[in-house]
Amino acid sequence: MDDKTLLDAFIKESLELSLTKGYTAPVFRRMVADYGTVEAVRRLAEADVLQSGLRELAKLDLLDWSAEAAVDKFPKLFPNRLTRESAQFKLKLARDGHHDQELTD
């Protein structure tokens, strides 16, 4: 399978796991429908705030299934260094409990 197919499967499983814990991820689902998986993940990774979905996944102990984690898991789909660094930084903040931190000055 190619990386895009694997990413789609990863995100599908992520959404299913979230549902088992009571989180429906409505914004992310809409973004995937509107932009496709790769673009939705890229947009979330590059956003200048920790999105509500990432904060919710942190509470549910599902950060390894987040869009930001997908950037690390599928680096060929996200060649932009800014995308990867932003995703890694946001995951670190979420893991360290800084759920409400702004990412810009």
PDB file of N, CA and C in Angstrom:
ATOM      1  N   MET A   1       0.838  -1.199   0.000  1.00  0.00           N
ATOM      2  CA  MET A   1       0.000   0.000   0.000  1.00  0.00           C
ATOM      3  C   MET A   1       0.874   1.252   0.000  1.00  0.00           C
ATOM      4  N   ASP A   2       0.392   2.292  -0.630  1.00  0.00           N
ATOM      5  CA  ASP A   2       1.136   3.549  -0.622  1.00  0.00           C
ATOM      6  C   ASP A   2       0.860   4.318   0.677  1.00  0.00           C
ATOM      7  N   ASP A   3       1.671   5.344   0.928  1.00  0.00           N
ATOM      8  CA  ASP A   3       1.561   6.096   2.183  1.00  0.00           C
ATOM      9  C   ASP A   3       0.205   6.769   2.349  1.00  0.00           C
ATOM     10  N   LYS A   4      -0.372   7.267   1.278  1.00  0.00           N
ATOM     11  CA  LYS A   4      -1.677   7.926   1.390  1.00  0.00           C
ATOM     12  C   LYS A   4      -2.741   6.933   1.845  1.00  0.00           C
ATOM     13  N   THR A   5      -2.728   5.741   1.285  1.00  0.00           N
ATOM     14  CA  THR A   5      -3.680   4.702   1.689  1.00  0.00           C
ATOM     15  C   THR A   5      -3.461   4.324   3.146  1.00  0.00           C
ATOM     16  N   LEU A   6      -2.193   4.217   3.550  1.00  0.00           N
ATOM     17  CA  LEU A   6      -1.878   3.896   4.946  1.00  0.00           C
ATOM     18  C   LEU A   6      -2.312   5.023   5.879  1.00  0.00           C
ATOM     19  N   LEU A   7      -2.120   6.274   5.457  1.00  0.00           N
ATOM     20  CA  LEU A   7      -2.574   7.410   6.262  1.00  0.00           C
ATOM     21  C   LEU A   7      -4.090   7.380   6.404  1.00  0.00           C
ATOM     22  N   ASP A   8      -4.798   7.152   5.315  1.00  0.00           N
ATOM     23  CA  ASP A   8      -6.260   7.070   5.379  1.00  0.00           C
ATOM     24  C   ASP A   8      -6.701   5.995   6.371  1.00  0.00           C
ATOM     25  N   ALA A   9      -6.043   4.839   6.341  1.00  0.00           N
ATOM     26  CA  ALA A   9      -6.377   3.751   7.263  1.00  0.00           C
ATOM     27  C   ALA A   9      -6.055   4.138   8.705  1.00  0.00           C
ATOM     28  N   PHE A  10      -4.926   4.804   8.907  1.00  0.00           N
ATOM     29  CA  PHE A  10      -4.532   5.267  10.242  1.00  0.00           C
ATOM     30  C   PHE A  10      -5.580   6.229  10.796  1.00  0.00           C
ATOM     31  N   ILE A  11      -6.001   7.190   9.984  1.00  0.00           N
ATOM     32  CA  ILE A  11      -6.980   8.178  10.434  1.00  0.00           C
ATOM     33  C   ILE A  11      -8.327   7.512  10.687  1.00  0.00           C
ATOM     34  N   LYS A  12      -8.715   6.582   9.840  1.00  0.00           N
ATOM     35  CA  LYS A  12      -9.975   5.858  10.058  1.00  0.00           C
ATOM     36  C   LYS A  12      -9.939   5.132  11.400  1.00  0.00           C
ATOM     37  N   GLU A  13      -8.838   4.450  11.682  1.00  0.00           N
ATOM     38  CA  GLU A  13      -8.713   3.743  12.958  1.00  0.00           C
ATOM     39  C   GLU A  13      -8.701   4.728  14.123  1.00  0.00           C
ATOM     40  N   SER A  14      -8.035   5.858  13.943  1.00  0.00           N
ATOM     41  CA  SER A  14      -8.009   6.899  14.968  1.00  0.00           C
ATOM     42  C   SER A  14      -9.421   7.368  15.307  1.00  0.00           C
ATOM     43  N   LEU A  15     -10.212   7.622  14.277  1.00  0.00           N
ATOM     44  CA  LEU A  15     -11.587   8.079  14.497  1.00  0.00           C
ATOM     45  C   LEU A  15     -12.427   7.004  15.174  1.00  0.00           C
ATOM     46  N   GLU A  16     -12.208   5.749  14.816  1.00  0.00           N
ATOM     47  CA  GLU A  16     -12.933   4.650  15.458  1.00  0.00           C
ATOM     48  C   GLU A  16     -12.549   4.527  16.929  1.00  0.00           C
ATOM     49  N   LEU A  17     -11.256   4.638  17.242  1.00  0.00           N
ATOM     50  CA  LEU A  17     -10.810   4.592  18.636  1.00  0.00           C
ATOM     51  C   LEU A  17     -11.399   5.746  19.438  1.00  0.00           C
ATOM     52  N   SER A  18     -11.425   6.922  18.837  1.00  0.00           N
ATOM     53  CA  SER A  18     -11.999   8.088  19.505  1.00  0.00           C
ATOM     54  C   SER A  18     -13.463   7.848  19.840  1.00  0.00           C
ATOM     55  N   LEU A  19     -14.187   7.274  18.896  1.00  0.00           N
ATOM     56  CA  LEU A  19     -15.607   6.986  19.125  1.00  0.00           C
ATOM     57  C   LEU A  19     -15.809   6.028  20.284  1.00  0.00           C
ATOM     58  N   THR A  20     -14.924   5.038  20.425  1.00  0.00           N
ATOM     59  CA  THR A  20     -15.072   4.086  21.530  1.00  0.00           C
ATOM     60  C   THR A  20     -14.904   4.767  22.881  1.00  0.00           C
ATOM     61  N   LYS A  21     -14.260   5.930  22.890  1.00  0.00           N
ATOM     62  CA  LYS A  21     -14.073   6.686  24.130  1.00  0.00           C
ATOM     63  C   LYS A  21     -15.025   7.872  24.213  1.00  0.00           C
ATOM     64  N   GLY A  22     -15.987   7.940  23.291  1.00  0.00           N
ATOM     65  CA  GLY A  22     -17.020   8.957  23.366  1.00  0.00           C
ATOM     66  C   GLY A  22     -16.733  10.267  22.662  1.00  0.00           C
ATOM     67  N   TYR A  23     -15.659  10.341  21.897  1.00  0.00           N
ATOM     68  CA  TYR A  23     -15.321  11.583  21.194  1.00  0.00           C
ATOM     69  C   TYR A  23     -15.574  11.405  19.706  1.00  0.00           C
ATOM     70  N   THR A  24     -16.401  12.269  19.127  1.00  0.00           N
ATOM     71  CA  THR A  24     -16.804  12.118  17.727  1.00  0.00           C
ATOM     72  C   THR A  24     -15.920  12.874  16.740  1.00  0.00           C
ATOM     73  N   ALA A  25     -15.081  13.775  17.199  1.00  0.00           N
ATOM     74  CA  ALA A  25     -14.166  14.556  16.349  1.00  0.00           C
ATOM     75  C   ALA A  25     -14.889  15.233  15.184  1.00  0.00           C
ATOM     76  N   PRO A  26     -15.935  16.006  15.461  1.00  0.00           N
ATOM     77  CA  PRO A  26     -16.741  16.569  14.366  1.00  0.00           C
ATOM     78  C   PRO A  26     -15.979  17.525  13.452  1.00  0.00           C
ATOM     79  N   VAL A  27     -15.124  18.357  14.002  1.00  0.00           N
ATOM     80  CA  VAL A  27     -14.384  19.317  13.177  1.00  0.00           C
ATOM     81  C   VAL A  27     -13.410  18.582  12.256  1.00  0.00           C
ATOM     82  N   PHE A  28     -12.684  17.628  12.797  1.00  0.00           N
ATOM     83  CA  PHE A  28     -11.725  16.882  11.986  1.00  0.00           C
ATOM     84  C   PHE A  28     -12.431  16.082  10.893  1.00  0.00           C
ATOM     85  N   ARG A  29     -13.538  15.449  11.232  1.00  0.00           N
ATOM     86  CA  ARG A  29     -14.299  14.700  10.220  1.00  0.00           C
ATOM     87  C   ARG A  29     -14.725  15.624   9.073  1.00  0.00           C
ATOM     88  N   ARG A  30     -15.182  16.812   9.418  1.00  0.00           N
ATOM     89  CA  ARG A  30     -15.604  17.773   8.393  1.00  0.00           C
ATOM     90  C   ARG A  30     -14.407  18.211   7.545  1.00  0.00           C
ATOM     91  N   MET A  31     -13.267  18.446   8.202  1.00  0.00           N
ATOM     92  CA  MET A  31     -12.065  18.847   7.461  1.00  0.00           C
ATOM     93  C   MET A  31     -11.627  17.760   6.482  1.00  0.00           C
ATOM     94  N   VAL A  32     -11.653  16.516   6.924  1.00  0.00           N
ATOM     95  CA  VAL A  32     -11.270  15.410   6.037  1.00  0.00           C
ATOM     96  C   VAL A  32     -12.226  15.341   4.851  1.00  0.00           C
ATOM     97  N   ALA A  33     -13.515  15.517   5.107  1.00  0.00           N
ATOM     98  CA  ALA A  33     -14.501  15.495   4.016  1.00  0.00           C
ATOM     99  C   ALA A  33     -14.285  16.658   3.050  1.00  0.00           C
ATOM    100  N   ASP A  34     -13.952  17.823   3.586  1.00  0.00           N
ATOM    101  CA  ASP A  34     -13.787  19.023   2.759  1.00  0.00           C
ATOM    102  C   ASP A  34     -12.458  19.066   2.005  1.00  0.00           C
ATOM    103  N   TYR A  35     -11.372  18.643   2.655  1.00  0.00           N
ATOM    104  CA  TYR A  35     -10.032  18.841   2.101  1.00  0.00           C
ATOM    105  C   TYR A  35      -9.290  17.560   1.738  1.00  0.00           C
ATOM    106  N   GLY A  36      -9.763  16.431   2.204  1.00  0.00           N
ATOM    107  CA  GLY A  36      -9.015  15.185   2.063  1.00  0.00           C
ATOM    108  C   GLY A  36      -8.108  14.991   3.270  1.00  0.00           C
ATOM    109  N   THR A  37      -7.665  13.775   3.470  1.00  0.00           N
ATOM    110  CA  THR A  37      -6.913  13.438   4.679  1.00  0.00           C
ATOM    111  C   THR A  37      -5.590  14.182   4.788  1.00  0.00           C
ATOM    112  N   VAL A  38      -4.791  14.168   3.739  1.00  0.00           N
ATOM    113  CA  VAL A  38      -3.461  14.791   3.812  1.00  0.00           C
ATOM    114  C   VAL A  38      -3.583  16.279   4.118  1.00  0.00           C
ATOM    115  N   GLU A  39      -4.445  16.976   3.411  1.00  0.00           N
ATOM    116  CA  GLU A  39      -4.577  18.424   3.614  1.00  0.00           C
ATOM    117  C   GLU A  39      -5.172  18.740   4.980  1.00  0.00           C
ATOM    118  N   ALA A  40      -6.122  17.943   5.450  1.00  0.00           N
ATOM    119  CA  ALA A  40      -6.700  18.167   6.778  1.00  0.00           C
ATOM    120  C   ALA A  40      -5.632  18.002   7.859  1.00  0.00           C
ATOM    121  N   VAL A  41      -4.833  16.960   7.750  1.00  0.00           N
ATOM    122  CA  VAL A  41      -3.755  16.730   8.717  1.00  0.00           C
ATOM    123  C   VAL A  41      -2.748  17.874   8.658  1.00  0.00           C
ATOM    124  N   ARG A  42      -2.364  18.286   7.460  1.00  0.00           N
ATOM    125  CA  ARG A  42      -1.399  19.384   7.319  1.00  0.00           C
ATOM    126  C   ARG A  42      -1.928  20.658   7.959  1.00  0.00           C
ATOM    127  N   ARG A  43      -3.173  20.991   7.702  1.00  0.00           N
ATOM    128  CA  ARG A  43      -3.757  22.214   8.263  1.00  0.00           C
ATOM    129  C   ARG A  43      -3.766  22.181   9.792  1.00  0.00           C
ATOM    130  N   LEU A  44      -4.125  21.044  10.365  1.00  0.00           N
ATOM    131  CA  LEU A  44      -4.127  20.944  11.824  1.00  0.00           C
ATOM    132  C   LEU A  44      -2.712  21.030  12.381  1.00  0.00           C
ATOM    133  N   ALA A  45      -1.781  20.365  11.733  1.00  0.00           N
ATOM    134  CA  ALA A  45      -0.393  20.385  12.209  1.00  0.00           C
ATOM    135  C   ALA A  45       0.184  21.791  12.192  1.00  0.00           C
ATOM    136  N   GLU A  46      -0.177  22.579  11.186  1.00  0.00           N
ATOM    137  CA  GLU A  46       0.391  23.924  11.040  1.00  0.00           C
ATOM    138  C   GLU A  46      -0.407  25.014  11.757  1.00  0.00           C
ATOM    139  N   ALA A  47      -1.550  24.683  12.314  1.00  0.00           N
ATOM    140  CA  ALA A  47      -2.350  25.688  13.023  1.00  0.00           C
ATOM    141  C   ALA A  47      -1.548  26.266  14.186  1.00  0.00           C
ATOM    142  N   ASP A  48      -1.794  27.533  14.501  1.00  0.00           N
ATOM    143  CA  ASP A  48      -0.983  28.194  15.529  1.00  0.00           C
ATOM    144  C   ASP A  48      -1.543  28.058  16.944  1.00  0.00           C
ATOM    145  N   VAL A  49      -2.492  27.162  17.137  1.00  0.00           N
ATOM    146  CA  VAL A  49      -3.009  26.857  18.474  1.00  0.00           C
ATOM    147  C   VAL A  49      -3.154  25.346  18.602  1.00  0.00           C
ATOM    148  N   LEU A  50      -3.222  24.888  19.841  1.00  0.00           N
ATOM    149  CA  LEU A  50      -3.559  23.486  20.059  1.00  0.00           C
ATOM    150  C   LEU A  50      -5.064  23.357  19.856  1.00  0.00           C
ATOM    151  N   GLN A  51      -5.459  22.656  18.843  1.00  0.00           N
ATOM    152  CA  GLN A  51      -6.867  22.520  18.515  1.00  0.00           C
ATOM    153  C   GLN A  51      -7.601  21.731  19.595  1.00  0.00           C
ATOM    154  N   SER A  52      -8.906  21.941  19.673  1.00  0.00           N
ATOM    155  CA  SER A  52      -9.727  21.254  20.675  1.00  0.00           C
ATOM    156  C   SER A  52      -9.622  19.739  20.533  1.00  0.00           C
ATOM    157  N   GLY A  53      -9.507  19.250  19.308  1.00  0.00           N
ATOM    158  CA  GLY A  53      -9.395  17.810  19.104  1.00  0.00           C
ATOM    159  C   GLY A  53      -8.127  17.231  19.704  1.00  0.00           C
ATOM    160  N   LEU A  54      -7.018  17.933  19.564  1.00  0.00           N
ATOM    161  CA  LEU A  54      -5.765  17.462  20.149  1.00  0.00           C
ATOM    162  C   LEU A  54      -5.854  17.477  21.671  1.00  0.00           C
ATOM    163  N   ARG A  55      -6.462  18.515  22.214  1.00  0.00           N
ATOM    164  CA  ARG A  55      -6.646  18.570  23.672  1.00  0.00           C
ATOM    165  C   ARG A  55      -7.521  17.412  24.147  1.00  0.00           C
ATOM    166  N   GLU A  56      -8.573  17.117  23.392  1.00  0.00           N
ATOM    167  CA  GLU A  56      -9.456  16.006  23.761  1.00  0.00           C
ATOM    168  C   GLU A  56      -8.729  14.669  23.660  1.00  0.00           C
ATOM    169  N   LEU A  57      -7.952  14.474  22.611  1.00  0.00           N
ATOM    170  CA  LEU A  57      -7.190  13.231  22.480  1.00  0.00           C
ATOM    171  C   LEU A  57      -6.175  13.081  23.612  1.00  0.00           C
ATOM    172  N   ALA A  58      -5.605  14.185  24.078  1.00  0.00           N
ATOM    173  CA  ALA A  58      -4.688  14.127  25.221  1.00  0.00           C
ATOM    174  C   ALA A  58      -5.421  13.619  26.456  1.00  0.00           C
ATOM    175  N   LYS A  59      -6.612  14.134  26.694  1.00  0.00           N
ATOM    176  CA  LYS A  59      -7.410  13.692  27.852  1.00  0.00           C
ATOM    177  C   LYS A  59      -7.763  12.212  27.753  1.00  0.00           C
ATOM    178  N   LEU A  60      -7.965  11.727  26.538  1.00  0.00           N
ATOM    179  CA  LEU A  60      -8.362  10.333  26.318  1.00  0.00           C
ATOM    180  C   LEU A  60      -7.169   9.393  26.157  1.00  0.00           C
ATOM    181  N   ASP A  61      -5.954   9.920  26.304  1.00  0.00           N
ATOM    182  CA  ASP A  61      -4.724   9.146  26.137  1.00  0.00           C
ATOM    183  C   ASP A  61      -4.630   8.545  24.730  1.00  0.00           C
ATOM    184  N   LEU A  62      -4.980   9.366  23.728  1.00  0.00           N
ATOM    185  CA  LEU A  62      -4.933   8.932  22.333  1.00  0.00           C
ATOM    186  C   LEU A  62      -4.039   9.830  21.473  1.00  0.00           C
ATOM    187  N   LEU A  63      -3.064  10.476  22.075  1.00  0.00           N
ATOM    188  CA  LEU A  63      -2.199  11.370  21.296  1.00  0.00           C
ATOM    189  C   LEU A  63      -1.456  10.643  20.178  1.00  0.00           C
ATOM    190  N   ASP A  64      -1.151   9.372  20.382  1.00  0.00           N
ATOM    191  CA  ASP A  64      -0.457   8.616  19.338  1.00  0.00           C
ATOM    192  C   ASP A  64      -1.330   8.394  18.107  1.00  0.00           C
ATOM    193  N   TRP A  65      -2.614   8.729  18.216  1.00  0.00           N
ATOM    194  CA  TRP A  65      -3.559   8.580  17.112  1.00  0.00           C
ATOM    195  C   TRP A  65      -4.010   9.927  16.569  1.00  0.00           C
ATOM    196  N   SER A  66      -3.327  10.986  16.926  1.00  0.00           N
ATOM    197  CA  SER A  66      -3.702  12.336  16.490  1.00  0.00           C
ATOM    198  C   SER A  66      -3.192  12.634  15.081  1.00  0.00           C
ATOM    199  N   ALA A  67      -3.741  13.685  14.497  1.00  0.00           N
ATOM    200  CA  ALA A  67      -3.262  14.158  13.194  1.00  0.00           C
ATOM    201  C   ALA A  67      -1.790  14.531  13.291  1.00  0.00           C
ATOM    202  N   GLU A  68      -1.404  15.140  14.406  1.00  0.00           N
ATOM    203  CA  GLU A  68      -0.007  15.537  14.595  1.00  0.00           C
ATOM    204  C   GLU A  68       0.910  14.312  14.633  1.00  0.00           C
ATOM    205  N   ALA A  69       0.455  13.236  15.263  1.00  0.00           N
ATOM    206  CA  ALA A  69       1.242  11.998  15.282  1.00  0.00           C
ATOM    207  C   ALA A  69       1.348  11.401  13.879  1.00  0.00           C
ATOM    208  N   ALA A  70       0.301  11.581  13.085  1.00  0.00           N
ATOM    209  CA  ALA A  70       0.312  11.066  11.709  1.00  0.00           C
ATOM    210  C   ALA A  70       1.406  11.728  10.875  1.00  0.00           C
ATOM    211  N   VAL A  71       1.707  12.991  11.168  1.00  0.00           N
ATOM    212  CA  VAL A  71       2.770  13.692  10.435  1.00  0.00           C
ATOM    213  C   VAL A  71       4.103  12.978  10.643  1.00  0.00           C
ATOM    214  N   ASP A  72       4.385  12.578  11.875  1.00  0.00           N
ATOM    215  CA  ASP A  72       5.622  11.837  12.156  1.00  0.00           C
ATOM    216  C   ASP A  72       5.595  10.439  11.546  1.00  0.00           C
ATOM    217  N   LYS A  73       4.444   9.820  11.579  1.00  0.00           N
ATOM    218  CA  LYS A  73       4.308   8.444  11.094  1.00  0.00           C
ATOM    219  C   LYS A  73       4.432   8.352   9.566  1.00  0.00           C
ATOM    220  N   PHE A  74       4.036   9.413   8.868  1.00  0.00           N
ATOM    221  CA  PHE A  74       4.041   9.416   7.401  1.00  0.00           C
ATOM    222  C   PHE A  74       4.796  10.632   6.863  1.00  0.00           C
ATOM    223  N   PRO A  75       6.099  10.738   7.139  1.00  0.00           N
ATOM    224  CA  PRO A  75       6.858  11.942   6.780  1.00  0.00           C
ATOM    225  C   PRO A  75       6.927  12.219   5.275  1.00  0.00           C
ATOM    226  N   LYS A  76       6.833  11.203   4.442  1.00  0.00           N
ATOM    227  CA  LYS A  76       6.882  11.437   2.989  1.00  0.00           C
ATOM    228  C   LYS A  76       5.687  12.256   2.507  1.00  0.00           C
ATOM    229  N   LEU A  77       4.569  12.162   3.217  1.00  0.00           N
ATOM    230  CA  LEU A  77       3.376  12.924   2.841  1.00  0.00           C
ATOM    231  C   LEU A  77       3.441  14.368   3.330  1.00  0.00           C
ATOM    232  N   PHE A  78       4.373  14.644   4.253  1.00  0.00           N
ATOM    233  CA  PHE A  78       4.497  15.978   4.846  1.00  0.00           C
ATOM    234  C   PHE A  78       5.960  16.423   4.774  1.00  0.00           C
ATOM    235  N   PRO A  79       6.428  16.743   3.575  1.00  0.00           N
ATOM    236  CA  PRO A  79       7.847  17.054   3.388  1.00  0.00           C
ATOM    237  C   PRO A  79       8.278  18.404   3.958  1.00  0.00           C
ATOM    238  N   ASN A  80       7.339  19.277   4.246  1.00  0.00           N
ATOM    239  CA  ASN A  80       7.671  20.606   4.755  1.00  0.00           C
ATOM    240  C   ASN A  80       8.161  20.500   6.200  1.00  0.00           C
ATOM    241  N   ARG A  81       9.365  20.993   6.443  1.00  0.00           N
ATOM    242  CA  ARG A  81       9.944  20.944   7.788  1.00  0.00           C
ATOM    243  C   ARG A  81       9.071  21.662   8.807  1.00  0.00           C
ATOM    244  N   LEU A  82       8.482  22.794   8.435  1.00  0.00           N
ATOM    245  CA  LEU A  82       7.607  23.540   9.339  1.00  0.00           C
ATOM    246  C   LEU A  82       6.434  22.679   9.800  1.00  0.00           C
ATOM    247  N   THR A  83       5.852  21.932   8.897  1.00  0.00           N
ATOM    248  CA  THR A  83       4.732  21.054   9.247  1.00  0.00           C
ATOM    249  C   THR A  83       5.168  20.036  10.291  1.00  0.00           C
ATOM    250  N   ARG A  84       6.290  19.391  10.052  1.00  0.00           N
ATOM    251  CA  ARG A  84       6.777  18.358  10.978  1.00  0.00           C
ATOM    252  C   ARG A  84       7.151  18.946  12.332  1.00  0.00           C
ATOM    253  N   GLU A  85       7.864  20.071  12.332  1.00  0.00           N
ATOM    254  CA  GLU A  85       8.277  20.683  13.599  1.00  0.00           C
ATOM    255  C   GLU A  85       7.078  21.184  14.394  1.00  0.00           C
ATOM    256  N   SER A  86       6.115  21.764  13.726  1.00  0.00           N
ATOM    257  CA  SER A  86       4.915  22.241  14.401  1.00  0.00           C
ATOM    258  C   SER A  86       4.153  21.075  15.029  1.00  0.00           C
ATOM    259  N   ALA A  87       4.012  19.988  14.288  1.00  0.00           N
ATOM    260  CA  ALA A  87       3.315  18.809  14.813  1.00  0.00           C
ATOM    261  C   ALA A  87       4.040  18.253  16.036  1.00  0.00           C
ATOM    262  N   GLN A  88       5.361  18.150  15.963  1.00  0.00           N
ATOM    263  CA  GLN A  88       6.137  17.631  17.088  1.00  0.00           C
ATOM    264  C   GLN A  88       6.019  18.535  18.310  1.00  0.00           C
ATOM    265  N   PHE A  89       6.081  19.846  18.091  1.00  0.00           N
ATOM    266  CA  PHE A  89       5.977  20.806  19.187  1.00  0.00           C
ATOM    267  C   PHE A  89       4.609  20.721  19.857  1.00  0.00           C
ATOM    268  N   LYS A  90       3.567  20.641  19.061  1.00  0.00           N
ATOM    269  CA  LYS A  90       2.219  20.565  19.614  1.00  0.00           C
ATOM    270  C   LYS A  90       2.008  19.269  20.391  1.00  0.00           C
ATOM    271  N   LEU A  91       2.555  18.171  19.886  1.00  0.00           N
ATOM    272  CA  LEU A  91       2.459  16.913  20.630  1.00  0.00           C
ATOM    273  C   LEU A  91       3.184  17.011  21.962  1.00  0.00           C
ATOM    274  N   LYS A  92       4.348  17.633  21.962  1.00  0.00           N
ATOM    275  CA  LYS A  92       5.093  17.804  23.216  1.00  0.00           C
ATOM    276  C   LYS A  92       4.289  18.637  24.204  1.00  0.00           C
ATOM    277  N   LEU A  93       3.727  19.744  23.742  1.00  0.00           N
ATOM    278  CA  LEU A  93       2.907  20.573  24.627  1.00  0.00           C
ATOM    279  C   LEU A  93       1.727  19.784  25.180  1.00  0.00           C
ATOM    280  N   ALA A  94       1.061  19.046  24.329  1.00  0.00           N
ATOM    281  CA  ALA A  94      -0.103  18.273  24.765  1.00  0.00           C
ATOM    282  C   ALA A  94       0.307  17.191  25.764  1.00  0.00           C
ATOM    283  N   ARG A  95       1.430  16.529  25.510  1.00  0.00           N
ATOM    284  CA  ARG A  95       1.901  15.485  26.433  1.00  0.00           C
ATOM    285  C   ARG A  95       2.325  16.074  27.774  1.00  0.00           C
ATOM    286  N   ASP A  96       2.845  17.300  27.737  1.00  0.00           N
ATOM    287  CA  ASP A  96       3.288  17.958  28.966  1.00  0.00           C
ATOM    288  C   ASP A  96       2.154  18.661  29.701  1.00  0.00           C
ATOM    289  N   GLY A  97       0.942  18.589  29.161  1.00  0.00           N
ATOM    290  CA  GLY A  97      -0.213  19.165  29.834  1.00  0.00           C
ATOM    291  C   GLY A  97      -0.475  20.622  29.540  1.00  0.00           C
ATOM    292  N   HIS A  98       0.172  21.192  28.543  1.00  0.00           N
ATOM    293  CA  HIS A  98      -0.031  22.601  28.186  1.00  0.00           C
ATOM    294  C   HIS A  98      -1.115  22.716  27.119  1.00  0.00           C
ATOM    295  N   HIS A  99      -2.303  22.300  27.448  1.00  0.00           N
ATOM    296  CA  HIS A  99      -3.382  22.190  26.470  1.00  0.00           C
ATOM    297  C   HIS A  99      -3.887  23.522  25.944  1.00  0.00           C
ATOM    298  N   ASP A 100      -3.715  24.591  26.670  1.00  0.00           N
ATOM    299  CA  ASP A 100      -4.281  25.872  26.253  1.00  0.00           C
ATOM    300  C   ASP A 100      -3.230  26.853  25.751  1.00  0.00           C
ATOM    301  N   GLN A 101      -2.024  26.404  25.558  1.00  0.00           N
ATOM    302  CA  GLN A 101      -0.917  27.281  25.178  1.00  0.00           C
ATOM    303  C   GLN A 101      -1.068  27.813  23.758  1.00  0.00           C
ATOM    304  N   GLU A 102      -0.853  29.123  23.599  1.00  0.00           N
ATOM    305  CA  GLU A 102      -0.774  29.734  22.266  1.00  0.00           C
ATOM    306  C   GLU A 102       0.586  29.394  21.673  1.00  0.00           C
ATOM    307  N   LEU A 103       0.646  29.216  20.379  1.00  0.00           N
ATOM    308  CA  LEU A 103       1.900  28.862  19.730  1.00  0.00           C
ATOM    309  C   LEU A 103       2.563  30.033  19.037  1.00  0.00           C
ATOM    310  N   THR A 104       1.956  31.208  19.098  1.00  0.00           N
ATOM    311  CA  THR A 104       2.535  32.400  18.485  1.00  0.00           C
ATOM    312  C   THR A 104       2.825  33.420  19.565  1.00  0.00           C
ATOM    313  N   ASP A 105       3.648  34.413  19.242  1.00  0.00           N
ATOM    314  CA  ASP A 105       3.965  35.487  20.205  1.00  0.00           C
ATOM    315  C   ASP A 105       2.816  36.443  20.344  1.00  0.00           C
TER     316      ASP A 105
END
